[in-house]
Amino acid sequence: MGLPLEMKYENQIIVADGDYVMAHGRYTRPGGVNWVVVDVMRMKDGIFEEHWDVIQDEATKEQS
């Protein structure tokens, strides 16, 4: 399943260490609260093995 056309993903940084890769980014959700996301992936011999993610509502300027 892909993203709805209204949503947009912006990658900020990708970091790799050994078998682990982390991608940090932001989902823009028109009419809703945007999300800040970190995807953590474990690779083995160049093959995707496992995935975890952390999703948090983006704080507004007033909240931060």
PDB file of N, CA and C in Angstrom:
ATOM      1  N   MET A   1       0.848  -1.172   0.000  1.00  0.00           N
ATOM      2  CA  MET A   1       0.000   0.000   0.000  1.00  0.00           C
ATOM      3  C   MET A   1       0.895   1.237   0.000  1.00  0.00           C
ATOM      4  N   GLY A   2       0.625   2.175  -0.869  1.00  0.00           N
ATOM      5  CA  GLY A   2       1.398   3.399  -0.939  1.00  0.00           C
ATOM      6  C   GLY A   2       0.745   4.513  -0.140  1.00  0.00           C
ATOM      7  N   LEU A   3       1.393   5.653  -0.151  1.00  0.00           N
ATOM      8  CA  LEU A   3       0.864   6.823   0.542  1.00  0.00           C
ATOM      9  C   LEU A   3      -0.257   7.454  -0.267  1.00  0.00           C
ATOM     10  N   PRO A   4      -1.235   8.050   0.412  1.00  0.00           N
ATOM     11  CA  PRO A   4      -2.223   8.845  -0.324  1.00  0.00           C
ATOM     12  C   PRO A   4      -1.513   9.974  -1.068  1.00  0.00           C
ATOM     13  N   LEU A   5      -2.039  10.371  -2.201  1.00  0.00           N
ATOM     14  CA  LEU A   5      -1.391  11.401  -3.015  1.00  0.00           C
ATOM     15  C   LEU A   5      -1.196  12.717  -2.277  1.00  0.00           C
ATOM     16  N   GLU A   6      -2.066  13.002  -1.285  1.00  0.00           N
ATOM     17  CA  GLU A   6      -1.961  14.266  -0.548  1.00  0.00           C
ATOM     18  C   GLU A   6      -0.788  14.277   0.427  1.00  0.00           C
ATOM     19  N   MET A   7      -0.313  13.093   0.830  1.00  0.00           N
ATOM     20  CA  MET A   7       0.791  13.032   1.797  1.00  0.00           C
ATOM     21  C   MET A   7       2.132  13.174   1.080  1.00  0.00           C
ATOM     22  N   LYS A   8       3.091  13.733   1.792  1.00  0.00           N
ATOM     23  CA  LYS A   8       4.423  13.936   1.225  1.00  0.00           C
ATOM     24  C   LYS A   8       5.451  13.509   2.262  1.00  0.00           C
ATOM     25  N   TYR A   9       6.475  12.766   1.839  1.00  0.00           N
ATOM     26  CA  TYR A   9       7.545  12.356   2.740  1.00  0.00           C
ATOM     27  C   TYR A   9       8.810  13.121   2.375  1.00  0.00           C
ATOM     28  N   GLU A  10       9.464  13.691   3.387  1.00  0.00           N
ATOM     29  CA  GLU A  10      10.727  14.400   3.197  1.00  0.00           C
ATOM     30  C   GLU A  10      11.780  13.726   4.072  1.00  0.00           C
ATOM     31  N   ASN A  11      12.770  13.091   3.465  1.00  0.00           N
ATOM     32  CA  ASN A  11      13.842  12.468   4.227  1.00  0.00           C
ATOM     33  C   ASN A  11      14.821  13.535   4.681  1.00  0.00           C
ATOM     34  N   GLN A  12      15.253  13.445   5.938  1.00  0.00           N
ATOM     35  CA  GLN A  12      16.199  14.420   6.482  1.00  0.00           C
ATOM     36  C   GLN A  12      17.613  13.852   6.551  1.00  0.00           C
ATOM     37  N   ILE A  13      17.730  12.599   7.028  1.00  0.00           N
ATOM     38  CA  ILE A  13      19.061  12.003   7.175  1.00  0.00           C
ATOM     39  C   ILE A  13      18.931  10.486   7.199  1.00  0.00           C
ATOM     40  N   ILE A  14      19.938   9.815   6.679  1.00  0.00           N
ATOM     41  CA  ILE A  14      20.038   8.360   6.756  1.00  0.00           C
ATOM     42  C   ILE A  14      21.387   8.038   7.386  1.00  0.00           C
ATOM     43  N   VAL A  15      21.370   7.174   8.407  1.00  0.00           N
ATOM     44  CA  VAL A  15      22.589   6.794   9.125  1.00  0.00           C
ATOM     45  C   VAL A  15      22.688   5.283   9.119  1.00  0.00           C
ATOM     46  N   ALA A  16      23.884   4.765   8.849  1.00  0.00           N
ATOM     47  CA  ALA A  16      24.097   3.319   8.868  1.00  0.00           C
ATOM     48  C   ALA A  16      25.247   2.991   9.809  1.00  0.00           C
ATOM     49  N   ASP A  17      25.100   1.868  10.528  1.00  0.00           N
ATOM     50  CA  ASP A  17      26.141   1.383  11.424  1.00  0.00           C
ATOM     51  C   ASP A  17      26.050  -0.139  11.431  1.00  0.00           C
ATOM     52  N   GLY A  18      27.020  -0.781  10.834  1.00  0.00           N
ATOM     53  CA  GLY A  18      26.992  -2.242  10.749  1.00  0.00           C
ATOM     54  C   GLY A  18      25.782  -2.705   9.963  1.00  0.00           C
ATOM     55  N   ASP A  19      24.960  -3.562  10.564  1.00  0.00           N
ATOM     56  CA  ASP A  19      23.776  -4.110   9.893  1.00  0.00           C
ATOM     57  C   ASP A  19      22.541  -3.229  10.050  1.00  0.00           C
ATOM     58  N   TYR A  20      22.657  -2.085  10.727  1.00  0.00           N
ATOM     59  CA  TYR A  20      21.498  -1.248  11.006  1.00  0.00           C
ATOM     60  C   TYR A  20      21.521   0.035  10.182  1.00  0.00           C
ATOM     61  N   VAL A  21      20.342   0.393   9.672  1.00  0.00           N
ATOM     62  CA  VAL A  21      20.164   1.630   8.915  1.00  0.00           C
ATOM     63  C   VAL A  21      18.985   2.368   9.530  1.00  0.00           C
ATOM     64  N   MET A  22      19.150   3.676   9.774  1.00  0.00           N
ATOM     65  CA  MET A  22      18.059   4.500  10.301  1.00  0.00           C
ATOM     66  C   MET A  22      17.789   5.645   9.329  1.00  0.00           C
ATOM     67  N   ALA A  23      16.513   5.841   9.015  1.00  0.00           N
ATOM     68  CA  ALA A  23      16.094   6.950   8.150  1.00  0.00           C
ATOM     69  C   ALA A  23      15.179   7.852   8.969  1.00  0.00           C
ATOM     70  N   HIS A  24      15.530   9.139   9.050  1.00  0.00           N
ATOM     71  CA  HIS A  24      14.746  10.120   9.813  1.00  0.00           C
ATOM     72  C   HIS A  24      14.079  11.055   8.810  1.00  0.00           C
ATOM     73  N   GLY A  25      12.774  11.251   8.956  1.00  0.00           N
ATOM     74  CA  GLY A  25      12.075  12.117   8.014  1.00  0.00           C
ATOM     75  C   GLY A  25      10.779  12.653   8.579  1.00  0.00           C
ATOM     76  N   ARG A  26      10.017  13.272   7.690  1.00  0.00           N
ATOM     77  CA  ARG A  26       8.789  13.971   8.084  1.00  0.00           C
ATOM     78  C   ARG A  26       7.716  13.707   7.038  1.00  0.00           C
ATOM     79  N   TYR A  27       6.520  13.366   7.516  1.00  0.00           N
ATOM     80  CA  TYR A  27       5.352  13.213   6.654  1.00  0.00           C
ATOM     81  C   TYR A  27       4.483  14.450   6.802  1.00  0.00           C
ATOM     82  N   THR A  28       4.175  15.098   5.690  1.00  0.00           N
ATOM     83  CA  THR A  28       3.260  16.231   5.664  1.00  0.00           C
ATOM     84  C   THR A  28       1.873  15.679   5.364  1.00  0.00           C
ATOM     85  N   ARG A  29       0.933  15.985   6.249  1.00  0.00           N
ATOM     86  CA  ARG A  29      -0.430  15.478   6.121  1.00  0.00           C
ATOM     87  C   ARG A  29      -1.387  16.653   6.018  1.00  0.00           C
ATOM     88  N   PRO A  30      -1.812  17.028   4.810  1.00  0.00           N
ATOM     89  CA  PRO A  30      -2.737  18.154   4.662  1.00  0.00           C
ATOM     90  C   PRO A  30      -3.988  17.951   5.512  1.00  0.00           C
ATOM     91  N   GLY A  31      -4.351  18.973   6.262  1.00  0.00           N
ATOM     92  CA  GLY A  31      -5.536  18.908   7.096  1.00  0.00           C
ATOM     93  C   GLY A  31      -5.343  18.138   8.385  1.00  0.00           C
ATOM     94  N   GLY A  32      -4.147  17.643   8.624  1.00  0.00           N
ATOM     95  CA  GLY A  32      -3.892  16.876   9.841  1.00  0.00           C
ATOM     96  C   GLY A  32      -2.577  17.289  10.464  1.00  0.00           C
ATOM     97  N   VAL A  33      -2.224  16.619  11.531  1.00  0.00           N
ATOM     98  CA  VAL A  33      -0.958  16.881  12.208  1.00  0.00           C
ATOM     99  C   VAL A  33       0.151  16.154  11.453  1.00  0.00           C
ATOM    100  N   ASN A  34       1.239  16.835  11.175  1.00  0.00           N
ATOM    101  CA  ASN A  34       2.372  16.197  10.500  1.00  0.00           C
ATOM    102  C   ASN A  34       3.059  15.225  11.442  1.00  0.00           C
ATOM    103  N   TRP A  35       3.775  14.258  10.880  1.00  0.00           N
ATOM    104  CA  TRP A  35       4.490  13.257  11.667  1.00  0.00           C
ATOM    105  C   TRP A  35       5.987  13.383  11.472  1.00  0.00           C
ATOM    106  N   VAL A  36       6.729  13.138  12.536  1.00  0.00           N
ATOM    107  CA  VAL A  36       8.177  12.972  12.479  1.00  0.00           C
ATOM    108  C   VAL A  36       8.419  11.487  12.694  1.00  0.00           C
ATOM    109  N   VAL A  37       9.216  10.869  11.819  1.00  0.00           N
ATOM    110  CA  VAL A  37       9.341   9.408  11.798  1.00  0.00           C
ATOM    111  C   VAL A  37      10.809   8.992  11.744  1.00  0.00           C
ATOM    112  N   VAL A  38      11.140   7.926  12.478  1.00  0.00           N
ATOM    113  CA  VAL A  38      12.429   7.264  12.340  1.00  0.00           C
ATOM    114  C   VAL A  38      12.144   5.805  12.009  1.00  0.00           C
ATOM    115  N   ASP A  39      12.660   5.350  10.886  1.00  0.00           N
ATOM    116  CA  ASP A  39      12.570   3.945  10.497  1.00  0.00           C
ATOM    117  C   ASP A  39      13.913   3.299  10.788  1.00  0.00           C
ATOM    118  N   VAL A  40      13.901   2.201  11.505  1.00  0.00           N
ATOM    119  CA  VAL A  40      15.120   1.446  11.819  1.00  0.00           C
ATOM    120  C   VAL A  40      15.018   0.114  11.091  1.00  0.00           C
ATOM    121  N   MET A  41      16.019  -0.189  10.295  1.00  0.00           N
ATOM    122  CA  MET A  41      16.024  -1.426   9.524  1.00  0.00           C
ATOM    123  C   MET A  41      17.280  -2.225   9.810  1.00  0.00           C
ATOM    124  N   ARG A  42      17.130  -3.532   9.921  1.00  0.00           N
ATOM    125  CA  ARG A  42      18.285  -4.407  10.081  1.00  0.00           C
ATOM    126  C   ARG A  42      18.475  -5.170   8.778  1.00  0.00           C
ATOM    127  N   MET A  43      19.695  -5.116   8.280  1.00  0.00           N
ATOM    128  CA  MET A  43      20.061  -5.785   7.041  1.00  0.00           C
ATOM    129  C   MET A  43      20.938  -6.993   7.368  1.00  0.00           C
ATOM    130  N   LYS A  44      20.891  -8.001   6.524  1.00  0.00           N
ATOM    131  CA  LYS A  44      21.781  -9.150   6.672  1.00  0.00           C
ATOM    132  C   LYS A  44      22.230  -9.574   5.284  1.00  0.00           C
ATOM    133  N   ASP A  45      23.535  -9.507   5.059  1.00  0.00           N
ATOM    134  CA  ASP A  45      24.106  -9.844   3.750  1.00  0.00           C
ATOM    135  C   ASP A  45      23.438  -9.054   2.624  1.00  0.00           C
ATOM    136  N   GLY A  46      23.140  -7.769   2.893  1.00  0.00           N
ATOM    137  CA  GLY A  46      22.547  -6.907   1.879  1.00  0.00           C
ATOM    138  C   GLY A  46      21.059  -7.111   1.670  1.00  0.00           C
ATOM    139  N   ILE A  47      20.425  -7.918   2.522  1.00  0.00           N
ATOM    140  CA  ILE A  47      18.991  -8.199   2.386  1.00  0.00           C
ATOM    141  C   ILE A  47      18.264  -7.636   3.599  1.00  0.00           C
ATOM    142  N   PHE A  48      17.131  -7.004   3.348  1.00  0.00           N
ATOM    143  CA  PHE A  48      16.293  -6.440   4.395  1.00  0.00           C
ATOM    144  C   PHE A  48      15.756  -7.571   5.263  1.00  0.00           C
ATOM    145  N   GLU A  49      15.991  -7.493   6.583  1.00  0.00           N
ATOM    146  CA  GLU A  49      15.573  -8.551   7.507  1.00  0.00           C
ATOM    147  C   GLU A  49      14.458  -8.117   8.453  1.00  0.00           C
ATOM    148  N   GLU A  50      14.613  -6.935   9.088  1.00  0.00           N
ATOM    149  CA  GLU A  50      13.641  -6.476  10.082  1.00  0.00           C
ATOM    150  C   GLU A  50      13.441  -4.972   9.977  1.00  0.00           C
ATOM    151  N   HIS A  51      12.294  -4.501  10.512  1.00  0.00           N
ATOM    152  CA  HIS A  51      11.976  -3.080  10.479  1.00  0.00           C
ATOM    153  C   HIS A  51      11.218  -2.692  11.749  1.00  0.00           C
ATOM    154  N   TRP A  52      11.590  -1.551  12.312  1.00  0.00           N
ATOM    155  CA  TRP A  52      10.868  -0.937  13.426  1.00  0.00           C
ATOM    156  C   TRP A  52      10.701   0.529  13.069  1.00  0.00           C
ATOM    157  N   ASP A  53       9.681   1.157  13.593  1.00  0.00           N
ATOM    158  CA  ASP A  53       9.570   2.600  13.376  1.00  0.00           C
ATOM    159  C   ASP A  53       9.052   3.299  14.619  1.00  0.00           C
ATOM    160  N   VAL A  54       9.375   4.570  14.672  1.00  0.00           N
ATOM    161  CA  VAL A  54       8.908   5.458  15.738  1.00  0.00           C
ATOM    162  C   VAL A  54       8.212   6.613  15.035  1.00  0.00           C
ATOM    163  N   ILE A  55       6.950   6.850  15.402  1.00  0.00           N
ATOM    164  CA  ILE A  55       6.168   7.923  14.781  1.00  0.00           C
ATOM    165  C   ILE A  55       5.677   8.850  15.885  1.00  0.00           C
ATOM    166  N   GLN A  56       5.893  10.142  15.677  1.00  0.00           N
ATOM    167  CA  GLN A  56       5.468  11.124  16.674  1.00  0.00           C
ATOM    168  C   GLN A  56       4.823  12.302  15.955  1.00  0.00           C
ATOM    169  N   ASP A  57       3.738  12.831  16.531  1.00  0.00           N
ATOM    170  CA  ASP A  57       3.154  14.053  15.981  1.00  0.00           C
ATOM    171  C   ASP A  57       4.186  15.173  16.061  1.00  0.00           C
ATOM    172  N   GLU A  58       4.270  15.952  15.001  1.00  0.00           N
ATOM    173  CA  GLU A  58       5.197  17.080  14.984  1.00  0.00           C
ATOM    174  C   GLU A  58       4.673  18.182  15.912  1.00  0.00           C
ATOM    175  N   ALA A  59       5.532  18.692  16.755  1.00  0.00           N
ATOM    176  CA  ALA A  59       5.145  19.790  17.653  1.00  0.00           C
ATOM    177  C   ALA A  59       4.973  21.080  16.837  1.00  0.00           C
ATOM    178  N   THR A  60       3.972  21.829  17.199  1.00  0.00           N
ATOM    179  CA  THR A  60       3.792  23.136  16.566  1.00  0.00           C
ATOM    180  C   THR A  60       4.793  24.116  17.164  1.00  0.00           C
ATOM    181  N   LYS A  61       4.918  25.266  16.529  1.00  0.00           N
ATOM    182  CA  LYS A  61       5.823  26.303  17.029  1.00  0.00           C
ATOM    183  C   LYS A  61       5.407  26.709  18.450  1.00  0.00           C
ATOM    184  N   GLU A  62       4.110  26.777  18.684  1.00  0.00           N
ATOM    185  CA  GLU A  62       3.601  27.188  19.994  1.00  0.00           C
ATOM    186  C   GLU A  62       3.912  26.119  21.064  1.00  0.00           C
ATOM    187  N   GLN A  63       3.923  24.853  20.685  1.00  0.00           N
ATOM    188  CA  GLN A  63       4.183  23.767  21.629  1.00  0.00           C
ATOM    189  C   GLN A  63       5.663  23.608  21.969  1.00  0.00           C
ATOM    190  N   SER A  64       6.536  24.054  21.091  1.00  0.00           N
ATOM    191  CA  SER A  64       7.962  23.837  21.333  1.00  0.00           C
ATOM    192  C   SER A  64       8.644  25.006  22.002  1.00  0.00           C
TER     193      SER A  64
END
